[in-house]
Amino acid sequence: MNWTGVIPALTTNLRASGAVDHAALAKHCRWMIDSGCTGIVCCGSLGEAATLSFEEKLAVAATCVKADGGRVPVVLGVASLSTAEAVALAKGAGRAGCQGLMVLPPYVYSTDWREMKAHVSAVMAATKLSCMLYNNPPAYKTDFLPEQIAELAAEHPNLHAVKESSGDTRRVTAIRAVCGRRLAILVGMDDAIVEGIAAGAVGWIAGLVNAFPAESVALFDRASRGDQARAAALYAWFLPLLRLDTVPKFVQFIKWVQAEVGHGTATVRAPRRPLAGADLALARTVLAKALKYRPEL
């Protein structure tokens, strides 16, 4: 498992009926890899995992593995209402051919460190697959602190990475301080990628990459090489789009942009609804400006 580079949090292509469009999903997966992405994360928050059944999640993983053809690792997002189902997903991911897991706290129920540690520990102990802990307190109301992450790393040899989405890039430095090089740190918020790399992050679980993979890979490469001037110029162009990844309707925004650039559809599952009103106007304005001034790479 390679926890470095640009790894898309893949959207889940849906038909108008709401069913998963596996042919479109496979095509999209191949486009990401052909564009220079180093892995695939399926069934994450952007993949609308909360609306997918257990069977659908494993079917999506299998489609990505087959489409990938072994070129890059495929990672399954593991989140559920219960620990038992999360453990079953972790085991199913291995059978589906995944090489890694993105381990989330449980949906809905968020409590103290003792219980959250028990949940994610059960998932990691159930598999030999490489695991990435997903810390996103704004979305999941559980905040894995650097010292707690170090505790998990000491107890689980297959915990190899952290997706840091607290919104505070100081966390990258703090995790590095207590874990050293034991864990790879990846940025999980699109509009914090350059700052995260400067703090020591080595990977990006990206959202707008679903519509702009070449630009995402170029931005990551420039920032990682310390090409500050060219990274800053590309970041300035990209930021209005990247900020669409950090709002409640990020799934609708990203799928709409993806469809507008000719890759996929804007179809989402309820309770999400298609963009309308001020949200749609914002998306149109941001995308129109981005396309008008799209830089040559």
Protein backbone atom coordinates (compact mmCIF):
# COMPACT_ATOMS: atom_id res chain seq x y z
CA MET A 1 0.00 0.00 0.00
CA ASN A 2 1.39 3.37 -1.03
CA TRP A 3 -0.01 6.16 1.14
CA THR A 4 1.55 8.99 -0.85
CA GLY A 5 0.55 11.20 -3.76
CA VAL A 6 -2.92 12.13 -4.97
CA ILE A 7 -5.52 9.53 -4.05
CA PRO A 8 -9.06 10.39 -5.17
CA ALA A 9 -11.98 10.02 -2.80
CA LEU A 10 -13.96 8.59 -5.67
CA THR A 11 -17.51 9.66 -6.36
CA THR A 12 -20.00 6.85 -6.90
CA ASN A 13 -21.51 7.08 -10.37
CA LEU A 14 -25.28 6.64 -10.25
CA ARG A 15 -27.91 6.06 -12.90
CA ALA A 16 -31.03 8.22 -13.03
CA SER A 17 -32.80 5.47 -11.09
CA GLY A 18 -30.29 5.79 -8.27
CA ALA A 19 -28.61 2.45 -8.96
CA VAL A 20 -24.82 2.31 -9.11
CA ASP A 21 -23.54 2.64 -12.68
CA HIS A 22 -20.66 0.19 -12.56
CA ALA A 23 -19.56 0.75 -16.17
CA ALA A 24 -19.29 4.52 -15.60
CA LEU A 25 -17.56 3.91 -12.27
CA ALA A 26 -14.93 1.72 -13.91
CA LYS A 27 -14.35 4.29 -16.66
CA HIS A 28 -13.96 7.05 -14.09
CA CYS A 29 -11.57 4.97 -12.04
CA ARG A 30 -9.34 4.39 -15.08
CA TRP A 31 -9.35 8.14 -15.89
CA MET A 32 -8.08 8.93 -12.40
CA ILE A 33 -5.24 6.45 -12.71
CA ASP A 34 -4.32 7.49 -16.26
CA SER A 35 -4.08 11.08 -14.99
CA GLY A 36 -1.37 10.18 -12.47
CA CYS A 37 -3.26 9.38 -9.28
CA THR A 38 -1.49 6.92 -7.00
CA GLY A 39 -4.48 5.09 -5.52
CA ILE A 40 -8.26 4.99 -5.28
CA VAL A 41 -10.47 5.39 -2.19
CA CYS A 42 -13.99 4.14 -2.82
CA CYS A 43 -17.05 4.39 -0.60
CA GLY A 44 -15.91 7.41 1.35
CA SER A 45 -18.05 10.39 2.33
CA LEU A 46 -17.81 11.77 -1.21
CA GLY A 47 -18.74 8.33 -2.50
CA GLU A 48 -22.06 8.63 -0.64
CA ALA A 49 -21.19 5.60 1.45
CA ALA A 50 -23.86 6.37 4.03
CA THR A 51 -26.50 5.71 1.36
CA LEU A 52 -24.92 2.50 0.03
CA SER A 53 -25.88 -0.91 1.34
CA PHE A 54 -23.28 -3.37 2.63
CA GLU A 55 -23.52 -5.34 -0.62
CA GLU A 56 -23.26 -2.22 -2.77
CA LYS A 57 -20.08 -1.11 -1.02
CA LEU A 58 -18.35 -4.41 -1.70
CA ALA A 59 -19.62 -4.40 -5.30
CA VAL A 60 -18.21 -0.88 -5.81
CA ALA A 61 -14.87 -2.03 -4.36
CA ALA A 62 -14.79 -5.04 -6.69
CA THR A 63 -15.53 -2.83 -9.71
CA CYS A 64 -12.69 -0.47 -8.80
CA VAL A 65 -10.27 -3.36 -8.29
CA LYS A 66 -11.15 -4.85 -11.67
CA ALA A 67 -10.98 -1.48 -13.46
CA ASP A 68 -7.70 -0.68 -11.78
CA GLY A 69 -6.03 -3.83 -13.09
CA GLY A 70 -3.43 -3.79 -10.34
CA ARG A 71 -1.88 -0.47 -11.35
CA VAL A 72 -2.55 1.31 -8.04
CA PRO A 73 -3.96 0.22 -4.67
CA VAL A 74 -7.70 0.35 -4.04
CA VAL A 75 -8.87 1.40 -0.57
CA LEU A 76 -12.34 0.81 0.88
CA GLY A 77 -13.86 3.33 3.26
CA VAL A 78 -15.10 1.49 6.35
CA ALA A 79 -17.90 3.23 8.22
CA SER A 80 -21.18 1.93 9.56
CA LEU A 81 -23.67 2.29 12.37
CA SER A 82 -22.27 -0.72 14.22
CA THR A 83 -18.84 -2.11 14.98
CA ALA A 84 -19.95 -5.56 13.85
CA GLU A 85 -20.82 -4.31 10.35
CA ALA A 86 -17.60 -2.29 10.14
CA VAL A 87 -15.60 -5.41 10.97
CA ALA A 88 -17.50 -7.38 8.33
CA LEU A 89 -16.75 -4.66 5.75
CA ALA A 90 -13.06 -4.81 6.62
CA LYS A 91 -13.03 -8.55 6.04
CA GLY A 92 -15.04 -8.20 2.84
CA ALA A 93 -12.61 -5.63 1.48
CA GLY A 94 -9.83 -8.20 1.49
CA ARG A 95 -11.97 -10.69 -0.39
CA ALA A 96 -12.85 -7.97 -2.94
CA GLY A 97 -9.16 -7.41 -3.66
CA CYS A 98 -8.60 -4.11 -1.83
CA GLN A 99 -5.13 -3.34 -0.52
CA GLY A 100 -6.13 -0.84 2.14
CA LEU A 101 -8.86 0.50 4.39
CA MET A 102 -9.87 4.00 5.36
CA VAL A 103 -11.17 3.52 8.89
CA LEU A 104 -13.81 5.94 10.17
CA PRO A 105 -15.56 6.32 13.50
CA PRO A 106 -19.13 4.98 13.51
CA TYR A 107 -21.94 6.93 11.92
CA VAL A 108 -24.25 8.88 14.23
CA TYR A 109 -22.84 7.70 17.58
CA SER A 110 -19.86 9.69 18.84
CA THR A 111 -18.62 9.44 22.38
CA ASP A 112 -15.39 9.26 24.38
CA TRP A 113 -11.94 7.99 23.48
CA ARG A 114 -12.46 4.63 25.22
CA GLU A 115 -15.37 3.69 22.98
CA MET A 116 -14.04 5.23 19.78
CA LYS A 117 -10.70 3.50 20.28
CA ALA A 118 -12.47 0.17 20.76
CA HIS A 119 -14.42 0.66 17.54
CA VAL A 120 -11.51 1.50 15.23
CA SER A 121 -9.28 -1.05 16.97
CA ALA A 122 -11.80 -3.80 16.25
CA VAL A 123 -11.74 -2.89 12.55
CA MET A 124 -7.94 -2.80 12.30
CA ALA A 125 -7.56 -6.02 14.27
CA ALA A 126 -9.97 -7.80 11.91
CA THR A 127 -7.68 -7.47 8.88
CA LYS A 128 -4.11 -7.60 7.69
CA LEU A 129 -4.79 -4.85 5.16
CA SER A 130 -2.97 -1.55 5.51
CA CYS A 131 -5.15 0.95 7.37
CA MET A 132 -5.53 4.72 7.30
CA LEU A 133 -7.36 6.35 10.21
CA TYR A 134 -9.74 9.10 9.09
CA ASN A 135 -9.92 12.05 11.47
CA ASN A 136 -12.73 14.42 10.53
CA PRO A 137 -14.23 15.95 13.68
CA PRO A 138 -16.38 18.53 11.80
CA ALA A 139 -18.22 15.71 9.99
CA TYR A 140 -18.14 12.80 12.45
CA LYS A 141 -17.93 14.59 15.84
CA THR A 142 -15.02 12.41 16.92
CA ASP A 143 -11.60 14.01 17.19
CA PHE A 144 -8.64 11.64 17.27
CA LEU A 145 -5.93 13.65 19.01
CA PRO A 146 -2.24 13.19 18.09
CA GLU A 147 -1.44 11.32 21.32
CA GLN A 148 -4.41 9.00 20.75
CA ILE A 149 -3.29 8.35 17.18
CA ALA A 150 0.17 7.45 18.50
CA GLU A 151 -1.45 5.02 20.94
CA LEU A 152 -3.30 3.31 18.10
CA ALA A 153 -0.12 3.14 16.02
CA ALA A 154 1.72 1.44 18.88
CA GLU A 155 -0.97 -1.23 19.20
CA HIS A 156 -1.78 -1.86 15.52
CA PRO A 157 1.16 -2.59 13.21
CA ASN A 158 -1.11 -2.35 10.15
CA LEU A 159 -2.05 1.26 10.91
CA HIS A 160 0.14 3.06 8.40
CA ALA A 161 -1.49 6.42 7.72
CA VAL A 162 -3.80 9.19 8.94
CA LYS A 163 -6.18 11.24 6.83
CA GLU A 164 -6.22 14.55 8.68
CA SER A 165 -9.35 16.64 8.13
CA SER A 166 -9.63 18.65 11.31
CA GLY A 167 -9.05 21.83 9.32
CA ASP A 168 -6.05 22.70 11.49
CA THR A 169 -2.81 22.10 9.60
CA ARG A 170 -0.94 22.33 12.90
CA ARG A 171 -2.21 18.81 13.49
CA VAL A 172 0.16 17.55 10.81
CA THR A 173 3.11 18.88 12.77
CA ALA A 174 1.67 17.60 16.05
CA ILE A 175 1.16 14.06 14.71
CA ARG A 176 4.66 14.06 13.30
CA ALA A 177 6.01 15.18 16.68
CA VAL A 178 4.56 12.17 18.53
CA CYS A 179 4.74 9.55 15.75
CA GLY A 180 7.86 10.54 13.82
CA ARG A 181 7.86 8.78 10.46
CA ARG A 182 5.80 5.87 11.78
CA LEU A 183 2.67 7.11 9.97
CA ALA A 184 2.10 8.75 6.61
CA ILE A 185 -0.03 11.88 6.99
CA LEU A 186 -2.47 12.77 4.23
CA VAL A 187 -4.52 15.93 3.81
CA GLY A 188 -8.27 15.35 3.64
CA MET A 189 -9.50 18.88 2.93
CA ASP A 190 -8.92 20.16 -0.58
CA ASP A 191 -8.38 23.77 0.41
CA ALA A 192 -5.60 22.90 2.87
CA ILE A 193 -3.36 20.85 0.60
CA VAL A 194 -0.48 23.28 0.02
CA GLU A 195 -0.38 24.23 3.70
CA GLY A 196 -0.55 20.56 4.69
CA ILE A 197 2.36 19.61 2.47
CA ALA A 198 4.41 22.47 3.91
CA ALA A 199 3.71 21.04 7.39
CA GLY A 200 4.86 17.54 6.37
CA ALA A 201 1.94 15.74 4.70
CA VAL A 202 2.91 13.25 1.99
CA GLY A 203 -0.47 12.52 0.43
CA TRP A 204 -3.83 14.00 -0.52
CA ILE A 205 -7.20 12.27 -0.32
CA ALA A 206 -8.70 14.63 -2.86
CA GLY A 207 -12.22 15.60 -3.92
CA LEU A 208 -12.11 18.00 -6.89
CA VAL A 209 -9.64 15.59 -8.48
CA ASN A 210 -12.78 13.83 -9.72
CA ALA A 211 -13.23 16.69 -12.19
CA PHE A 212 -9.69 18.07 -12.48
CA PRO A 213 -7.19 15.23 -12.04
CA ALA A 214 -4.34 16.72 -14.09
CA GLU A 215 -4.47 19.98 -12.15
CA SER A 216 -4.65 18.13 -8.83
CA VAL A 217 -1.60 16.00 -9.61
CA ALA A 218 0.32 19.03 -10.87
CA LEU A 219 -0.50 21.04 -7.74
CA PHE A 220 0.56 18.23 -5.44
CA ASP A 221 3.80 17.67 -7.36
CA ARG A 222 4.74 21.35 -7.41
CA ALA A 223 4.05 21.81 -3.72
CA SER A 224 5.91 18.61 -2.80
CA ARG A 225 8.98 19.64 -4.83
CA GLY A 226 9.06 23.06 -3.19
CA ASP A 227 8.26 24.80 -6.48
CA GLN A 228 6.58 27.56 -4.52
CA ALA A 229 5.90 30.12 -7.23
CA ARG A 230 4.30 27.69 -9.67
CA ALA A 231 2.40 25.93 -6.87
CA ALA A 232 1.06 29.26 -5.60
CA ALA A 233 -0.11 30.30 -9.05
CA LEU A 234 -1.95 27.02 -9.65
CA TYR A 235 -3.37 27.05 -6.12
CA ALA A 236 -4.75 30.56 -6.57
CA TRP A 237 -6.62 29.42 -9.70
CA PHE A 238 -7.82 26.20 -8.07
CA LEU A 239 -8.91 27.45 -4.64
CA PRO A 240 -12.46 28.61 -5.50
CA LEU A 241 -13.15 25.10 -6.78
CA LEU A 242 -11.33 23.39 -3.91
CA ARG A 243 -13.43 25.27 -1.37
CA LEU A 244 -16.50 23.46 -2.71
CA ASP A 245 -15.07 20.35 -1.00
CA THR A 246 -15.47 21.76 2.50
CA VAL A 247 -19.16 22.66 2.70
CA PRO A 248 -22.18 20.48 3.61
CA LYS A 249 -23.23 20.05 -0.05
CA PHE A 250 -19.75 19.03 -1.20
CA VAL A 251 -21.07 15.84 -2.81
CA GLN A 252 -23.60 17.73 -4.93
CA PHE A 253 -21.06 20.40 -5.86
CA ILE A 254 -18.32 17.99 -6.89
CA LYS A 255 -20.62 15.68 -8.84
CA TRP A 256 -22.17 18.67 -10.63
CA VAL A 257 -18.74 20.03 -11.61
CA GLN A 258 -17.67 16.55 -12.68
CA ALA A 259 -20.71 16.23 -14.93
CA GLU A 260 -20.19 19.70 -16.42
CA VAL A 261 -16.67 18.79 -17.54
CA GLY A 262 -17.98 15.64 -19.20
CA HIS A 263 -17.19 12.92 -16.67
CA GLY A 264 -20.17 11.33 -14.97
CA THR A 265 -23.54 12.65 -13.89
CA ALA A 266 -24.73 14.94 -11.12
CA THR A 267 -27.15 12.31 -9.79
CA VAL A 268 -27.11 11.92 -6.00
CA ARG A 269 -29.09 9.80 -3.59
CA ALA A 270 -31.69 11.23 -1.23
CA PRO A 271 -31.74 12.89 1.20
CA ARG A 272 -29.36 14.86 -1.01
CA ARG A 273 -31.07 16.76 -3.82
CA PRO A 274 -29.66 18.25 -7.03
CA LEU A 275 -28.21 21.73 -6.73
CA ALA A 276 -30.69 24.59 -7.06
CA GLY A 277 -31.04 28.28 -6.38
CA ALA A 278 -28.06 30.07 -4.86
CA ASP A 279 -26.02 26.87 -4.65
CA LEU A 280 -26.38 26.19 -8.36
CA ALA A 281 -25.61 29.82 -9.18
CA LEU A 282 -22.43 29.65 -7.10
CA ALA A 283 -21.31 26.45 -8.79
CA ARG A 284 -21.91 27.93 -12.24
CA THR A 285 -19.99 31.10 -11.40
CA VAL A 286 -17.01 29.29 -9.91
CA LEU A 287 -16.74 26.75 -12.73
CA ALA A 288 -17.18 29.33 -15.51
CA LYS A 289 -14.32 31.41 -14.13
CA ALA A 290 -12.14 28.34 -13.63
CA LEU A 291 -12.67 27.17 -17.21
CA LYS A 292 -12.13 30.65 -18.63
CA TYR A 293 -8.76 31.01 -16.92
CA ARG A 294 -7.77 27.32 -16.86
CA PRO A 295 -3.96 27.23 -16.88
CA GLU A 296 -1.81 25.26 -19.26
CA LEU A 297 0.17 22.64 -17.37
